Protein backbone atom coordinates (compact mmCIF):
# COMPACT_ATOMS: atom_id res chain seq x y z
CA UNK A 1 -34.94 170.88 156.72
CA UNK A 2 -33.51 169.34 153.59
CA UNK A 3 -30.32 167.66 152.47
CA UNK A 4 -27.04 169.38 151.76
CA UNK A 5 -27.30 168.20 148.15
CA UNK A 6 -30.62 170.01 147.74
CA UNK A 7 -29.19 173.14 149.35
CA UNK A 8 -26.21 172.98 146.98
CA UNK A 9 -28.58 172.92 144.01
CA UNK A 10 -30.32 176.06 145.23
CA UNK A 11 -26.97 177.79 145.77
CA UNK A 12 -25.86 176.83 142.26
CA UNK A 13 -29.19 178.06 140.84
CA UNK A 14 -28.74 181.37 142.68
CA UNK A 15 -25.15 181.83 141.48
CA UNK A 16 -26.06 181.07 137.86
CA UNK A 17 -29.02 183.46 137.99
CA UNK A 18 -26.85 186.22 139.46
CA UNK A 19 -24.11 185.75 136.86
CA UNK A 20 -26.73 185.85 134.12
CA UNK A 21 -28.14 189.02 135.69
CA UNK A 22 -24.69 190.64 135.53
CA UNK A 23 -24.24 189.58 131.90
CA UNK A 24 -27.72 190.78 130.93
CA UNK A 25 -27.18 194.12 132.68
CA UNK A 26 -23.86 194.58 130.89
CA UNK A 27 -25.48 193.79 127.54
CA UNK A 28 -28.38 196.15 128.17
CA UNK A 29 -26.47 199.10 129.59
CA UNK A 30 -23.12 198.96 127.85
CA UNK A 31 -23.84 197.25 124.53
CA UNK A 32 -27.41 198.27 123.68
CA UNK A 33 -27.13 201.60 125.54
CA UNK A 34 -30.40 201.03 127.35
CA UNK A 35 -31.13 202.85 130.58
CA UNK A 36 -30.93 200.92 133.83
CA UNK A 37 -33.93 201.21 136.15
CA UNK A 38 -31.74 200.92 139.24
CA UNK A 39 -30.34 204.45 139.74
CA UNK A 40 -27.20 203.18 141.50
CA UNK A 41 -26.01 201.39 138.38
CA UNK A 42 -26.29 204.58 136.35
CA UNK A 43 -23.77 206.31 138.62
CA UNK A 44 -21.06 203.67 139.04
CA UNK A 45 -18.44 202.34 136.66
CA UNK A 46 -18.44 198.89 135.15
CA UNK A 47 -15.66 197.71 137.47
CA UNK A 48 -17.49 198.89 140.58
CA UNK A 49 -20.72 197.31 139.37
CA UNK A 50 -19.04 193.94 138.98
CA UNK A 51 -17.29 194.23 142.36
CA UNK A 52 -20.52 195.15 144.15
CA UNK A 53 -22.41 192.30 142.48
CA UNK A 54 -19.67 189.76 143.29
CA UNK A 55 -19.60 190.90 146.91
CA UNK A 56 -23.39 190.64 147.08
CA UNK A 57 -23.37 187.18 145.54
CA UNK A 58 -20.64 185.98 147.90
CA UNK A 59 -22.39 187.36 150.96
CA UNK A 60 -25.73 185.89 149.87
CA UNK A 61 -24.20 182.46 149.25
CA UNK A 62 -22.60 182.59 152.70
CA UNK A 63 -25.94 183.38 154.30
CA UNK A 64 -27.71 180.71 152.24
CA UNK A 65 -25.24 178.00 153.20
CA UNK A 66 -24.86 178.89 156.88
CA UNK A 67 -28.19 180.23 158.09
CA UNK A 68 -31.07 179.44 155.76
CA UNK A 69 -32.50 175.99 156.39
CA UNK A 70 -35.95 176.35 154.88
CA UNK A 71 -36.58 175.17 151.34
CA UNK A 72 -39.33 177.73 150.73
CA UNK A 73 -36.98 180.63 151.54
CA UNK A 74 -34.32 179.34 149.16
CA UNK A 75 -36.91 178.77 146.45
CA UNK A 76 -38.12 182.35 146.85
CA UNK A 77 -34.59 183.79 146.72
CA UNK A 78 -33.75 181.79 143.61
CA UNK A 79 -37.06 182.63 141.95
CA UNK A 80 -36.59 186.37 142.45
CA UNK A 81 -33.04 186.11 141.09
CA UNK A 82 -34.32 184.27 138.03
CA UNK A 83 -37.10 186.81 137.55
CA UNK A 84 -34.50 189.57 137.03
CA UNK A 85 -32.86 187.53 134.27
CA UNK A 86 -36.20 186.86 132.58
CA UNK A 87 -37.13 190.55 132.83
CA UNK A 88 -33.80 191.60 131.29
CA UNK A 89 -34.18 189.05 128.49
CA UNK A 90 -37.65 190.32 127.65
CA UNK A 91 -36.38 193.91 127.64
CA UNK A 92 -33.53 193.03 125.31
CA UNK A 93 -35.88 191.30 122.88
CA UNK A 94 -38.36 194.18 122.94
CA UNK A 95 -35.57 196.72 122.43
CA UNK A 96 -34.08 194.80 119.52
CA UNK A 97 -37.48 194.41 117.87
CA UNK A 98 -38.22 198.12 118.37
CA UNK A 99 -34.90 199.11 116.79
CA UNK A 100 -35.40 197.01 113.67
């Protein structure tokens, strides 16, 4: 168990990572015209992508605040969310370098 303040930090970390993931995906797919690895994103519109991501974030935050009481689990969830942002950033850099 840990304090509500610590849990709030993990939730904020998760939300920021997810928003950055949305932004990075939009940059990659719609601005740089890169191909998305996730096949579902290739078949849905921008509006639906954002709605699905926002629903997923909201549902995840609900679960994190109500049911997850173990620091290790929250650290893992936040780390995996951050890994997607790091991966997208690396891909953008590599793509931009390759194009120049």
